[in-house]
Amino acid sequence: MTMMYSRFKVQSSKLFSGFIVGLLPLFILLGISGYLFAAGMTAIRLLEKAEVEKDKIRLGEIARIKCEDPELAKELRAIVIGKAPLPGRTRQIDEQYIRLRLKQNAIDLSQISLHVPRKVEVFRGFVEISKEKIKKIVLDFIHQKIPWNRSRVRVKDVRVNRNVILPKGKITYEVILPKNTDFLGTIPLSVIFRVNRHFQKRVWATVSIEMLAEVVITRRPLRRYQLITEDDIRLQKMDLAELPSNIITSCEEVLGKRTKSAINANVVLRSDLVELPPLVRRGDVVLMIAESDGLKITALGEVRERGRRGERIRVVNLDSKREIYARVLDSKTVKVDF
């Protein structure tokens, strides 16, 4: 009885061992098949935090992609997930949105092993241009463009209202001046920033420019119609930005002229305050000269109105009594222009 039980135990053990040996190939086959299936899967692992530089978020910038098919991998990396945040800002993306964008791009999610954190935070890279940097840009531009002698010019102030935040890339700028700028006083201008040739920001600035020049000033009060002499005037350096455009900067421009009205002392002379004194007055008798093709004719005439050198006035020919126009040459002579 004992021998029969032992024999049966040995045979059962052999049968179990044979059963295990028979299943072993099947286990191996299933393992290889599972490995091959796992190896054929495309894995996409989203990063918790990622930085982008352009205005669109692409999958390849925010995820690690493992794929045996190079074309599929390239296609996946190029998928646009959405619009990037503004430079210096962040945007959060969840798994549901990622899956939606993959489906919209005809990606079979059953063939994708997708790993997404609870939230994906996307940050837009940026470059900050400080106000001091913008001031230097403006100052360099003014020094290059200003038409005055640099030794006579002083930039008193440059004002910029803010820093500028730009996306990363090739940054260029352009300074824009108003038309017909005279580079005197306070000048408004703008600085346009471009990144990779695309417009990004416009910043406004103001520049205060002082231009020192000698101007003619009265030494003492002058009467109406008083002839101006060297003793009546002096030169003084002043900021042209604070003066009208018709100020006189040379003594030679006023010597021999007269005042149109009474002028106080220490007044900056302007062209509208002085005039040449008339050389002829109404009733004066002058010599009239007419020349043409080598022929010269003279006659006496009576002046009908006062006139300064170079002015055209009415004159009556004393012989013919005919009134004509002539140009004043001096206090005794006028010339008839044909």
Protein backbone atom coordinates (compact mmCIF):
# COMPACT_ATOMS: atom_id res chain seq x y z
CA MET A 1 0.00 0.00 0.00
CA THR A 2 2.75 2.34 0.90
CA MET A 3 4.69 1.46 -2.28
CA MET A 4 1.64 2.13 -4.50
CA TYR A 5 1.15 5.60 -2.93
CA SER A 6 4.80 6.49 -3.50
CA ARG A 7 4.62 5.39 -7.12
CA PHE A 8 1.50 7.50 -7.65
CA LYS A 9 3.18 10.55 -6.07
CA VAL A 10 6.19 10.24 -8.38
CA GLN A 11 3.99 9.93 -11.46
CA SER A 12 1.91 13.02 -10.46
CA SER A 13 5.08 15.02 -9.96
CA LYS A 14 6.29 14.05 -13.40
CA LEU A 15 2.96 14.96 -14.95
CA PHE A 16 2.98 18.43 -13.28
CA SER A 17 6.53 19.07 -14.39
CA GLY A 18 5.65 18.10 -17.92
CA PHE A 19 2.64 20.42 -17.82
CA ILE A 20 4.81 23.35 -16.72
CA VAL A 21 7.41 22.60 -19.37
CA GLY A 22 4.66 22.49 -21.98
CA LEU A 23 3.30 25.92 -20.95
CA LEU A 24 6.72 27.56 -20.86
CA PRO A 25 6.89 28.29 -24.62
CA LEU A 26 3.45 29.84 -24.43
CA PHE A 27 4.57 32.16 -21.59
CA ILE A 28 7.66 33.08 -23.55
CA LEU A 29 5.61 33.76 -26.69
CA LEU A 30 3.14 35.94 -24.77
CA GLY A 31 5.98 37.86 -23.14
CA ILE A 32 7.67 38.53 -26.46
CA SER A 33 4.36 39.55 -27.98
CA GLY A 34 3.69 41.97 -25.11
CA TYR A 35 7.15 43.43 -25.39
CA LEU A 36 6.73 43.87 -29.13
CA PHE A 37 3.36 45.58 -28.57
CA ALA A 38 4.85 47.92 -25.95
CA ALA A 39 7.82 48.65 -28.17
CA GLY A 40 5.51 49.66 -31.02
CA MET A 41 3.63 52.20 -28.89
CA THR A 42 4.36 55.93 -29.22
CA ALA A 43 5.00 57.58 -25.86
CA ILE A 44 4.23 61.26 -25.23
CA ARG A 45 5.20 62.64 -21.85
CA LEU A 46 4.12 66.25 -21.18
CA LEU A 47 6.38 68.47 -19.06
CA GLU A 48 5.02 70.15 -15.96
CA LYS A 49 6.70 73.41 -17.01
CA ALA A 50 7.87 74.43 -20.45
CA GLU A 51 9.08 77.63 -22.11
CA VAL A 52 8.20 78.67 -25.66
CA GLU A 53 9.53 81.56 -27.72
CA LYS A 54 7.09 81.94 -30.61
CA ASP A 55 3.42 82.89 -30.67
CA LYS A 56 2.22 79.27 -31.05
CA ILE A 57 2.65 76.34 -28.68
CA ARG A 58 3.82 73.19 -30.47
CA LEU A 59 3.71 69.74 -28.92
CA GLY A 60 7.43 69.22 -29.42
CA GLU A 61 8.17 72.24 -27.18
CA ILE A 62 6.18 71.03 -24.20
CA ALA A 63 6.57 67.22 -24.38
CA ARG A 64 9.12 64.42 -24.70
CA ILE A 65 8.12 62.20 -27.62
CA LYS A 66 9.38 58.63 -28.18
CA CYS A 67 8.38 57.17 -31.53
CA GLU A 68 9.99 54.58 -33.82
CA ASP A 69 8.46 56.19 -36.93
CA PRO A 70 10.51 59.33 -37.78
CA GLU A 71 7.73 60.81 -39.92
CA LEU A 72 5.13 60.35 -37.20
CA ALA A 73 7.51 61.81 -34.62
CA LYS A 74 8.04 64.88 -36.83
CA GLU A 75 4.29 65.23 -37.31
CA LEU A 76 3.65 65.01 -33.57
CA ARG A 77 6.28 67.62 -32.69
CA ALA A 78 4.78 70.06 -35.21
CA ILE A 79 1.21 69.87 -33.87
CA VAL A 80 -0.01 73.29 -32.72
CA ILE A 81 -1.52 72.92 -29.27
CA GLY A 82 -2.69 76.50 -29.05
CA LYS A 83 -1.78 80.17 -28.90
CA ALA A 84 1.20 81.05 -26.73
CA PRO A 85 0.74 83.52 -23.86
CA LEU A 86 2.11 87.03 -24.13
CA PRO A 87 5.86 87.43 -23.49
CA GLY A 88 6.54 87.03 -19.78
CA ARG A 89 3.13 85.44 -19.14
CA THR A 90 2.05 81.82 -18.53
CA ARG A 91 -0.77 79.57 -19.72
CA GLN A 92 -2.04 76.30 -18.20
CA ILE A 93 -3.11 73.31 -20.30
CA ASP A 94 -4.79 70.12 -19.02
CA GLU A 95 -4.91 66.55 -20.33
CA GLN A 96 -8.40 66.89 -21.79
CA TYR A 97 -7.26 69.76 -24.00
CA ILE A 98 -4.15 67.84 -25.10
CA ARG A 99 -6.27 64.84 -26.12
CA LEU A 100 -8.67 67.11 -28.00
CA ARG A 101 -5.87 68.71 -30.00
CA LEU A 102 -4.38 65.29 -30.85
CA LYS A 103 -7.76 64.05 -32.08
CA GLN A 104 -8.27 67.21 -34.13
CA ASN A 105 -4.94 66.44 -35.81
CA ALA A 106 -6.11 62.88 -36.69
CA ILE A 107 -3.86 61.13 -34.16
CA ASP A 108 -5.07 57.64 -33.10
CA LEU A 109 -4.97 57.83 -29.31
CA SER A 110 -5.26 54.03 -29.02
CA GLN A 111 -1.69 53.86 -30.35
CA ILE A 112 -0.40 56.55 -27.99
CA SER A 113 0.89 56.19 -24.46
CA LEU A 114 0.08 59.65 -23.10
CA HIS A 115 1.39 60.90 -19.75
CA VAL A 116 0.10 64.32 -18.69
CA PRO A 117 0.65 66.01 -15.30
CA ARG A 118 -2.39 67.50 -13.60
CA LYS A 119 -1.50 70.85 -15.14
CA VAL A 120 1.00 71.83 -17.82
CA GLU A 121 2.31 75.36 -17.31
CA VAL A 122 3.61 77.05 -20.48
CA PHE A 123 5.77 80.17 -20.09
CA ARG A 124 6.53 82.60 -22.93
CA GLY A 125 10.16 83.68 -23.01
CA PHE A 126 10.82 87.41 -23.28
CA VAL A 127 13.41 90.17 -23.52
CA GLU A 128 12.96 93.35 -21.48
CA ILE A 129 14.22 96.66 -22.88
CA SER A 130 14.66 99.08 -19.99
CA LYS A 131 13.78 102.77 -20.09
CA GLU A 132 17.48 103.60 -19.74
CA LYS A 133 18.26 101.54 -22.85
CA ILE A 134 15.48 103.27 -24.80
CA LYS A 135 16.79 106.66 -23.66
CA LYS A 136 20.23 105.77 -25.02
CA ILE A 137 18.68 104.70 -28.34
CA VAL A 138 16.92 108.07 -28.59
CA LEU A 139 19.99 110.06 -27.51
CA ASP A 140 22.26 108.35 -30.06
CA PHE A 141 19.70 109.01 -32.78
CA ILE A 142 19.42 112.71 -31.91
CA HIS A 143 23.20 113.16 -31.91
CA GLN A 144 23.38 111.59 -35.38
CA LYS A 145 20.54 113.60 -36.90
CA ILE A 146 20.81 117.01 -35.29
CA PRO A 147 21.88 119.66 -37.86
CA TRP A 148 23.56 121.99 -35.41
CA ASN A 149 27.16 122.15 -34.27
CA ARG A 150 27.46 119.66 -31.40
CA SER A 151 29.42 122.15 -29.31
CA ARG A 152 26.39 124.48 -29.30
CA VAL A 153 23.79 121.82 -28.51
CA ARG A 154 22.82 120.25 -25.20
CA VAL A 155 20.16 117.57 -24.75
CA LYS A 156 18.62 118.64 -21.46
CA ASP A 157 16.28 115.71 -20.94
CA VAL A 158 15.00 112.47 -22.49
CA ARG A 159 11.77 111.01 -21.16
CA VAL A 160 10.45 107.50 -21.82
CA ASN A 161 7.21 106.36 -20.20
CA ARG A 162 7.86 102.62 -19.72
CA ASN A 163 10.00 99.55 -20.22
CA VAL A 164 9.24 97.27 -23.17
CA ILE A 165 8.60 93.53 -23.00
CA LEU A 166 9.35 91.73 -26.28
CA PRO A 167 9.33 88.09 -27.38
CA LYS A 168 12.69 86.46 -27.96
CA GLY A 169 14.18 86.73 -31.43
CA LYS A 170 16.14 89.17 -33.59
CA ILE A 171 15.24 92.61 -32.23
CA THR A 172 15.49 95.73 -34.39
CA TYR A 173 14.23 99.26 -33.77
CA GLU A 174 13.46 102.46 -35.66
CA VAL A 175 13.18 106.00 -34.31
CA ILE A 176 10.42 108.09 -35.94
CA LEU A 177 10.46 111.90 -35.85
CA PRO A 178 7.57 114.24 -36.69
CA LYS A 179 7.79 115.86 -40.13
CA ASN A 180 9.70 119.15 -40.41
CA THR A 181 11.36 118.79 -37.02
CA ASP A 182 13.66 121.73 -36.27
CA PHE A 183 15.49 119.96 -33.39
CA LEU A 184 14.74 122.80 -31.00
CA GLY A 185 12.89 122.68 -27.70
CA THR A 186 10.77 119.67 -26.75
CA ILE A 187 10.42 117.09 -29.53
CA PRO A 188 8.00 114.16 -29.39
CA LEU A 189 9.14 110.99 -31.13
CA SER A 190 8.45 107.26 -31.14
CA VAL A 191 10.57 104.11 -31.15
CA ILE A 192 9.21 101.11 -33.06
CA PHE A 193 10.47 97.67 -32.02
CA ARG A 194 10.36 94.68 -34.33
CA VAL A 195 11.18 91.03 -33.63
CA ASN A 196 12.19 88.91 -36.61
CA ARG A 197 10.98 91.80 -38.82
CA HIS A 198 7.48 91.74 -37.32
CA PHE A 199 6.09 94.81 -35.55
CA GLN A 200 5.79 94.33 -31.78
CA LYS A 201 5.70 97.59 -29.82
CA ARG A 202 5.73 101.38 -30.22
CA VAL A 203 7.10 103.49 -27.36
CA TRP A 204 6.71 107.25 -27.11
CA ALA A 205 9.45 109.55 -25.87
CA THR A 206 10.18 113.28 -25.62
CA VAL A 207 13.52 115.03 -26.00
CA SER A 208 14.34 118.54 -24.75
CA ILE A 209 17.11 120.18 -26.79
CA GLU A 210 18.90 123.40 -25.93
CA MET A 211 20.58 125.26 -28.81
CA LEU A 212 22.81 128.14 -27.70
CA ALA A 213 23.53 130.96 -30.17
CA GLU A 214 24.43 134.64 -30.06
CA VAL A 215 21.48 136.95 -30.68
CA VAL A 216 21.25 140.74 -31.02
CA ILE A 217 19.83 142.54 -27.96
CA THR A 218 19.18 146.26 -27.39
CA ARG A 219 21.49 147.94 -24.90
CA ARG A 220 19.07 150.78 -24.15
CA PRO A 221 15.59 151.98 -25.07
CA LEU A 222 15.15 153.00 -28.71
CA ARG A 223 12.66 155.49 -30.11
CA ARG A 224 10.36 154.86 -33.06
CA TYR A 225 12.17 155.27 -36.39
CA GLN A 226 15.53 155.58 -34.62
CA LEU A 227 18.52 154.54 -36.71
CA ILE A 228 20.37 151.67 -35.05
CA THR A 229 24.09 152.08 -34.34
CA GLU A 230 26.70 149.83 -32.72
CA ASP A 231 26.19 151.64 -29.42
CA ASP A 232 22.53 150.58 -29.38
CA ILE A 233 23.01 146.81 -29.53
CA ARG A 234 25.03 143.89 -28.14
CA LEU A 235 25.33 140.11 -28.58
CA GLN A 236 24.24 137.58 -25.97
CA LYS A 237 24.08 133.76 -25.97
CA MET A 238 20.57 132.39 -25.56
CA ASP A 239 18.61 129.19 -26.16
CA LEU A 240 17.08 129.41 -29.63
CA ALA A 241 14.37 126.98 -28.57
CA GLU A 242 12.91 129.68 -26.34
CA LEU A 243 12.95 132.37 -29.05
CA PRO A 244 10.88 132.99 -32.18
CA SER A 245 12.25 131.89 -35.52
CA ASN A 246 12.80 135.44 -36.89
CA ILE A 247 15.34 136.61 -34.29
CA ILE A 248 18.44 138.42 -35.54
CA THR A 249 21.81 136.78 -34.88
CA SER A 250 24.19 139.23 -36.51
CA CYS A 251 24.82 142.93 -35.79
CA GLU A 252 25.37 143.55 -39.50
CA GLU A 253 21.73 142.63 -40.11
CA VAL A 254 20.48 145.66 -38.13
CA LEU A 255 23.16 148.35 -38.48
CA GLY A 256 21.83 151.11 -40.71
CA LYS A 257 18.23 150.05 -40.19
CA ARG A 258 15.68 151.81 -38.04
CA THR A 259 13.10 150.72 -35.51
CA LYS A 260 9.47 150.38 -36.59
CA SER A 261 8.28 151.27 -33.09
CA ALA A 262 9.75 152.10 -29.69
CA ILE A 263 11.77 149.21 -28.18
CA ASN A 264 12.81 148.74 -24.56
CA ALA A 265 16.30 147.83 -23.36
CA ASN A 266 17.38 144.15 -23.28
CA VAL A 267 14.95 143.12 -25.99
CA VAL A 268 15.94 140.43 -28.50
CA LEU A 269 15.65 142.05 -31.92
CA ARG A 270 13.49 140.37 -34.55
CA SER A 271 13.23 141.06 -38.24
CA ASP A 272 9.71 142.41 -37.79
CA LEU A 273 10.93 145.07 -35.34
CA VAL A 274 13.32 146.84 -37.72
CA GLU A 275 13.27 148.11 -41.27
CA LEU A 276 15.44 149.84 -43.77
CA PRO A 277 14.82 153.60 -43.69
CA PRO A 278 13.18 154.92 -46.86
CA LEU A 279 15.65 156.45 -49.32
CA VAL A 280 13.00 158.45 -51.15
CA ARG A 281 9.76 160.09 -50.04
CA ARG A 282 6.66 161.40 -51.75
CA GLY A 283 7.46 164.58 -53.69
CA ASP A 284 11.20 163.85 -54.13
CA VAL A 285 12.57 164.46 -57.60
CA VAL A 286 14.78 161.59 -58.82
CA LEU A 287 16.64 160.56 -61.94
CA MET A 288 14.79 157.86 -63.86
CA ILE A 289 16.98 155.40 -65.81
CA ALA A 290 15.76 152.97 -68.46
CA GLU A 291 18.13 150.59 -70.26
CA SER A 292 17.49 148.10 -73.05
CA ASP A 293 19.78 146.51 -75.67
CA GLY A 294 22.60 148.95 -75.00
CA LEU A 295 20.26 151.94 -75.13
CA LYS A 296 20.07 154.13 -72.03
CA ILE A 297 17.35 156.71 -71.50
CA THR A 298 17.15 159.13 -68.57
CA ALA A 299 14.46 161.50 -67.40
CA LEU A 300 13.40 163.32 -64.29
CA GLY A 301 10.54 161.93 -62.21
CA GLU A 302 8.56 162.79 -59.12
CA VAL A 303 8.20 160.14 -56.41
CA ARG A 304 4.61 159.31 -55.46
CA GLU A 305 5.36 157.15 -52.39
CA ARG A 306 8.23 156.51 -50.08
CA GLY A 307 10.54 153.64 -50.87
CA ARG A 308 13.51 151.70 -49.56
CA ARG A 309 16.45 150.33 -51.49
CA GLY A 310 15.25 147.65 -53.90
CA GLU A 311 11.53 148.44 -53.54
CA ARG A 312 9.31 149.21 -56.56
CA ILE A 313 7.51 152.55 -56.23
CA ARG A 314 5.27 154.76 -58.36
CA VAL A 315 7.06 157.62 -60.15
CA VAL A 316 5.59 160.27 -62.53
CA ASN A 317 7.66 161.21 -65.60
CA LEU A 318 7.87 165.03 -65.43
CA ASP A 319 8.06 165.29 -69.24
CA SER A 320 5.25 162.93 -70.26
CA LYS A 321 3.26 163.13 -66.99
CA ARG A 322 2.92 159.36 -67.25
CA GLU A 323 3.00 157.31 -64.03
CA ILE A 324 5.27 154.24 -64.08
CA TYR A 325 6.86 151.82 -61.62
CA ALA A 326 10.60 151.99 -60.89
CA ARG A 327 12.99 150.33 -58.48
CA VAL A 328 14.85 152.42 -55.88
CA LEU A 329 18.64 152.38 -56.35
CA ASP A 330 19.56 155.18 -53.95
CA SER A 331 18.14 158.45 -52.63
CA LYS A 332 18.56 160.17 -56.04
CA THR A 333 18.05 157.37 -58.59
CA VAL A 334 15.37 154.88 -59.65
CA LYS A 335 15.49 152.30 -62.44
CA VAL A 336 12.63 151.40 -64.75
CA ASP A 337 12.35 147.65 -65.38
CA PHE A 338 11.08 146.51 -68.78
